[in-house]
Amino acid sequence: MKILMFGGTRFFGIHTVNELIKNGHDVSIATRGITSDKFGSSVKRIILDRNNQESLK
């Protein structure tokens, strides 16, 4: 299953993403790119900018 996880680099997100990967899912994480993660090439990353006013429209 393809899954997009918001906030996958901190708190419960890390554990959730690890379980999803372990269960064979295709995981993408949407993150601000501030916190590093140890997922390596196991996930795709989408960098979000919550200060970009264009993205709020």
PDB file of N, CA and C in Angstrom:
ATOM      1  N   MET A   1       0.840  -1.163   0.000  1.00  0.00           N
ATOM      2  CA  MET A   1       0.000   0.000   0.000  1.00  0.00           C
ATOM      3  C   MET A   1       0.895   1.240   0.000  1.00  0.00           C
ATOM      4  N   LYS A   2       0.512   2.265  -0.723  1.00  0.00           N
ATOM      5  CA  LYS A   2       1.232   3.538  -0.716  1.00  0.00           C
ATOM      6  C   LYS A   2       0.670   4.406   0.407  1.00  0.00           C
ATOM      7  N   ILE A   3       1.561   4.927   1.244  1.00  0.00           N
ATOM      8  CA  ILE A   3       1.134   5.706   2.406  1.00  0.00           C
ATOM      9  C   ILE A   3       1.925   7.000   2.465  1.00  0.00           C
ATOM     10  N   LEU A   4       1.216   8.110   2.707  1.00  0.00           N
ATOM     11  CA  LEU A   4       1.833   9.410   2.937  1.00  0.00           C
ATOM     12  C   LEU A   4       1.667   9.737   4.410  1.00  0.00           C
ATOM     13  N   MET A   5       2.787   9.909   5.101  1.00  0.00           N
ATOM     14  CA  MET A   5       2.771  10.176   6.537  1.00  0.00           C
ATOM     15  C   MET A   5       3.211  11.609   6.778  1.00  0.00           C
ATOM     16  N   PHE A   6       2.368  12.382   7.427  1.00  0.00           N
ATOM     17  CA  PHE A   6       2.734  13.727   7.839  1.00  0.00           C
ATOM     18  C   PHE A   6       3.354  13.630   9.227  1.00  0.00           C
ATOM     19  N   GLY A   7       4.506  14.276   9.410  1.00  0.00           N
ATOM     20  CA  GLY A   7       5.159  14.243  10.706  1.00  0.00           C
ATOM     21  C   GLY A   7       5.796  12.910  11.024  1.00  0.00           C
ATOM     22  N   GLY A   8       6.482  12.330  10.080  1.00  0.00           N
ATOM     23  CA  GLY A   8       7.059  11.005  10.290  1.00  0.00           C
ATOM     24  C   GLY A   8       8.434  10.978  10.919  1.00  0.00           C
ATOM     25  N   THR A   9       8.959  12.136  11.324  1.00  0.00           N
ATOM     26  CA  THR A   9      10.336  12.159  11.830  1.00  0.00           C
ATOM     27  C   THR A   9      10.440  12.377  13.330  1.00  0.00           C
ATOM     28  N   ARG A  10       9.331  12.525  14.009  1.00  0.00           N
ATOM     29  CA  ARG A  10       9.392  12.774  15.454  1.00  0.00           C
ATOM     30  C   ARG A  10       8.285  12.025  16.175  1.00  0.00           C
ATOM     31  N   PHE A  11       8.468  11.862  17.469  1.00  0.00           N
ATOM     32  CA  PHE A  11       7.483  11.281  18.379  1.00  0.00           C
ATOM     33  C   PHE A  11       6.905   9.969  17.840  1.00  0.00           C
ATOM     34  N   PHE A  12       5.588   9.852  17.815  1.00  0.00           N
ATOM     35  CA  PHE A  12       4.978   8.584  17.385  1.00  0.00           C
ATOM     36  C   PHE A  12       5.173   8.318  15.901  1.00  0.00           C
ATOM     37  N   GLY A  13       5.469   9.348  15.118  1.00  0.00           N
ATOM     38  CA  GLY A  13       5.654   9.170  13.674  1.00  0.00           C
ATOM     39  C   GLY A  13       6.792   8.235  13.328  1.00  0.00           C
ATOM     40  N   ILE A  14       7.881   8.318  14.093  1.00  0.00           N
ATOM     41  CA  ILE A  14       9.032   7.451  13.838  1.00  0.00           C
ATOM     42  C   ILE A  14       8.627   5.984  13.971  1.00  0.00           C
ATOM     43  N   HIS A  15       7.920   5.671  15.036  1.00  0.00           N
ATOM     44  CA  HIS A  15       7.506   4.289  15.270  1.00  0.00           C
ATOM     45  C   HIS A  15       6.500   3.820  14.217  1.00  0.00           C
ATOM     46  N   THR A  16       5.599   4.717  13.851  1.00  0.00           N
ATOM     47  CA  THR A  16       4.602   4.367  12.838  1.00  0.00           C
ATOM     48  C   THR A  16       5.271   4.081  11.499  1.00  0.00           C
ATOM     49  N   VAL A  17       6.177   4.955  11.087  1.00  0.00           N
ATOM     50  CA  VAL A  17       6.869   4.768   9.810  1.00  0.00           C
ATOM     51  C   VAL A  17       7.689   3.479   9.833  1.00  0.00           C
ATOM     52  N   ASN A  18       8.382   3.213  10.927  1.00  0.00           N
ATOM     53  CA  ASN A  18       9.153   1.965  11.030  1.00  0.00           C
ATOM     54  C   ASN A  18       8.263   0.740  10.867  1.00  0.00           C
ATOM     55  N   GLU A  19       7.094   0.754  11.486  1.00  0.00           N
ATOM     56  CA  GLU A  19       6.163  -0.376  11.358  1.00  0.00           C
ATOM     57  C   GLU A  19       5.646  -0.509   9.928  1.00  0.00           C
ATOM     58  N   LEU A  20       5.340   0.620   9.302  1.00  0.00           N
ATOM     59  CA  LEU A  20       4.857   0.588   7.918  1.00  0.00           C
ATOM     60  C   LEU A  20       5.914   0.001   6.990  1.00  0.00           C
ATOM     61  N   ILE A  21       7.161   0.427   7.161  1.00  0.00           N
ATOM     62  CA  ILE A  21       8.259  -0.100   6.349  1.00  0.00           C
ATOM     63  C   ILE A  21       8.416  -1.597   6.600  1.00  0.00           C
ATOM     64  N   LYS A  22       8.400  -1.978   7.869  1.00  0.00           N
ATOM     65  CA  LYS A  22       8.562  -3.384   8.246  1.00  0.00           C
ATOM     66  C   LYS A  22       7.486  -4.261   7.616  1.00  0.00           C
ATOM     67  N   ASN A  23       6.278  -3.683   7.449  1.00  0.00           N
ATOM     68  CA  ASN A  23       5.174  -4.429   6.870  1.00  0.00           C
ATOM     69  C   ASN A  23       5.115  -4.329   5.340  1.00  0.00           C
ATOM     70  N   GLY A  24       6.151  -3.733   4.735  1.00  0.00           N
ATOM     71  CA  GLY A  24       6.284  -3.749   3.287  1.00  0.00           C
ATOM     72  C   GLY A  24       5.552  -2.648   2.536  1.00  0.00           C
ATOM     73  N   HIS A  25       5.117  -1.604   3.225  1.00  0.00           N
ATOM     74  CA  HIS A  25       4.404  -0.517   2.563  1.00  0.00           C
ATOM     75  C   HIS A  25       5.371   0.445   1.883  1.00  0.00           C
ATOM     76  N   ASP A  26       4.889   1.130   0.872  1.00  0.00           N
ATOM     77  CA  ASP A  26       5.627   2.163   0.144  1.00  0.00           C
ATOM     78  C   ASP A  26       5.327   3.488   0.852  1.00  0.00           C
ATOM     79  N   VAL A  27       6.283   3.978   1.651  1.00  0.00           N
ATOM     80  CA  VAL A  27       6.037   5.112   2.545  1.00  0.00           C
ATOM     81  C   VAL A  27       6.700   6.381   2.029  1.00  0.00           C
ATOM     82  N   SER A  28       5.932   7.463   2.026  1.00  0.00           N
ATOM     83  CA  SER A  28       6.455   8.807   1.787  1.00  0.00           C
ATOM     84  C   SER A  28       6.183   9.609   3.043  1.00  0.00           C
ATOM     85  N   ILE A  29       7.156  10.451   3.441  1.00  0.00           N
ATOM     86  CA  ILE A  29       6.928  11.309   4.595  1.00  0.00           C
ATOM     87  C   ILE A  29       6.933  12.762   4.153  1.00  0.00           C
ATOM     88  N   ALA A  30       5.964  13.507   4.644  1.00  0.00           N
ATOM     89  CA  ALA A  30       5.880  14.942   4.397  1.00  0.00           C
ATOM     90  C   ALA A  30       6.457  15.616   5.632  1.00  0.00           C
ATOM     91  N   THR A  31       7.525  16.368   5.442  1.00  0.00           N
ATOM     92  CA  THR A  31       8.264  16.947   6.554  1.00  0.00           C
ATOM     93  C   THR A  31       8.765  18.342   6.197  1.00  0.00           C
ATOM     94  N   ARG A  32       9.091  19.111   7.214  1.00  0.00           N
ATOM     95  CA  ARG A  32       9.677  20.422   6.969  1.00  0.00           C
ATOM     96  C   ARG A  32      11.155  20.314   6.629  1.00  0.00           C
ATOM     97  N   GLY A  33      11.744  19.140   6.821  1.00  0.00           N
ATOM     98  CA  GLY A  33      13.151  18.937   6.491  1.00  0.00           C
ATOM     99  C   GLY A  33      14.093  19.438   7.567  1.00  0.00           C
ATOM    100  N   ILE A  34      13.569  19.731   8.747  1.00  0.00           N
ATOM    101  CA  ILE A  34      14.391  20.250   9.839  1.00  0.00           C
ATOM    102  C   ILE A  34      15.010  19.106  10.643  1.00  0.00           C
ATOM    103  N   THR A  35      14.213  18.095  10.936  1.00  0.00           N
ATOM    104  CA  THR A  35      14.660  16.970  11.739  1.00  0.00           C
ATOM    105  C   THR A  35      15.170  15.854  10.831  1.00  0.00           C
ATOM    106  N   SER A  36      16.388  15.402  11.104  1.00  0.00           N
ATOM    107  CA  SER A  36      16.925  14.301  10.300  1.00  0.00           C
ATOM    108  C   SER A  36      16.246  12.996  10.716  1.00  0.00           C
ATOM    109  N   ASP A  37      16.315  12.022   9.853  1.00  0.00           N
ATOM    110  CA  ASP A  37      15.731  10.720  10.168  1.00  0.00           C
ATOM    111  C   ASP A  37      16.709   9.631   9.770  1.00  0.00           C
ATOM    112  N   LYS A  38      16.444   8.420  10.216  1.00  0.00           N
ATOM    113  CA  LYS A  38      17.324   7.286   9.946  1.00  0.00           C
ATOM    114  C   LYS A  38      16.686   6.278   8.992  1.00  0.00           C
ATOM    115  N   PHE A  39      15.716   6.739   8.201  1.00  0.00           N
ATOM    116  CA  PHE A  39      15.014   5.830   7.298  1.00  0.00           C
ATOM    117  C   PHE A  39      15.807   5.523   6.032  1.00  0.00           C
ATOM    118  N   GLY A  40      16.790   6.353   5.727  1.00  0.00           N
ATOM    119  CA  GLY A  40      17.598   6.132   4.527  1.00  0.00           C
ATOM    120  C   GLY A  40      16.751   6.115   3.268  1.00  0.00           C
ATOM    121  N   SER A  41      17.016   5.170   2.411  1.00  0.00           N
ATOM    122  CA  SER A  41      16.290   5.095   1.135  1.00  0.00           C
ATOM    123  C   SER A  41      14.981   4.310   1.263  1.00  0.00           C
ATOM    124  N   SER A  42      14.600   3.976   2.495  1.00  0.00           N
ATOM    125  CA  SER A  42      13.356   3.225   2.707  1.00  0.00           C
ATOM    126  C   SER A  42      12.106   4.066   2.513  1.00  0.00           C
ATOM    127  N   VAL A  43      12.261   5.397   2.536  1.00  0.00           N
ATOM    128  CA  VAL A  43      11.109   6.287   2.362  1.00  0.00           C
ATOM    129  C   VAL A  43      11.425   7.355   1.322  1.00  0.00           C
ATOM    130  N   LYS A  44      10.373   7.920   0.771  1.00  0.00           N
ATOM    131  CA  LYS A  44      10.500   9.095  -0.077  1.00  0.00           C
ATOM    132  C   LYS A  44      10.185  10.296   0.813  1.00  0.00           C
ATOM    133  N   ARG A  45      10.803  11.434   0.552  1.00  0.00           N
ATOM    134  CA  ARG A  45      10.587  12.626   1.365  1.00  0.00           C
ATOM    135  C   ARG A  45       9.998  13.753   0.536  1.00  0.00           C
ATOM    136  N   ILE A  46       8.989  14.396   1.099  1.00  0.00           N
ATOM    137  CA  ILE A  46       8.395  15.584   0.500  1.00  0.00           C
ATOM    138  C   ILE A  46       8.625  16.708   1.505  1.00  0.00           C
ATOM    139  N   ILE A  47       9.393  17.729   1.104  1.00  0.00           N
ATOM    140  CA  ILE A  47       9.705  18.826   2.002  1.00  0.00           C
ATOM    141  C   ILE A  47       8.617  19.892   1.875  1.00  0.00           C
ATOM    142  N   LEU A  48       8.023  20.232   3.020  1.00  0.00           N
ATOM    143  CA  LEU A  48       6.948  21.222   3.078  1.00  0.00           C
ATOM    144  C   LEU A  48       7.442  22.514   3.708  1.00  0.00           C
ATOM    145  N   ASP A  49       6.893  23.633   3.276  1.00  0.00           N
ATOM    146  CA  ASP A  49       7.219  24.931   3.852  1.00  0.00           C
ATOM    147  C   ASP A  49       5.925  25.556   4.360  1.00  0.00           C
ATOM    148  N   ARG A  50       5.691  25.451   5.653  1.00  0.00           N
ATOM    149  CA  ARG A  50       4.433  25.964   6.190  1.00  0.00           C
ATOM    150  C   ARG A  50       4.381  27.487   6.228  1.00  0.00           C
ATOM    151  N   ASN A  51       5.483  28.164   5.936  1.00  0.00           N
ATOM    152  CA  ASN A  51       5.495  29.626   5.883  1.00  0.00           C
ATOM    153  C   ASN A  51       5.235  30.164   4.487  1.00  0.00           C
ATOM    154  N   ASN A  52       5.125  29.279   3.503  1.00  0.00           N
ATOM    155  CA  ASN A  52       4.886  29.676   2.114  1.00  0.00           C
ATOM    156  C   ASN A  52       3.393  29.989   1.958  1.00  0.00           C
ATOM    157  N   GLN A  53       3.067  31.244   1.787  1.00  0.00           N
ATOM    158  CA  GLN A  53       1.663  31.666   1.689  1.00  0.00           C
ATOM    159  C   GLN A  53       0.968  31.079   0.465  1.00  0.00           C
ATOM    160  N   GLU A  54       1.722  30.815  -0.592  1.00  0.00           N
ATOM    161  CA  GLU A  54       1.124  30.220  -1.805  1.00  0.00           C
ATOM    162  C   GLU A  54       0.571  28.833  -1.535  1.00  0.00           C
ATOM    163  N   SER A  55       1.196  28.107  -0.620  1.00  0.00           N
ATOM    164  CA  SER A  55       0.729  26.751  -0.336  1.00  0.00           C
ATOM    165  C   SER A  55      -0.530  26.737   0.521  1.00  0.00           C
ATOM    166  N   LEU A  56      -0.921  27.877   1.058  1.00  0.00           N
ATOM    167  CA  LEU A  56      -2.110  27.954   1.909  1.00  0.00           C
ATOM    168  C   LEU A  56      -3.385  28.221   1.120  1.00  0.00           C
ATOM    169  N   LYS A  57      -3.259  28.496  -0.169  1.00  0.00           N
ATOM    170  CA  LYS A  57      -4.431  28.809  -0.995  1.00  0.00           C
ATOM    171  C   LYS A  57      -5.128  27.571  -1.440  1.00  0.00           C
TER     172      LYS A  57
END
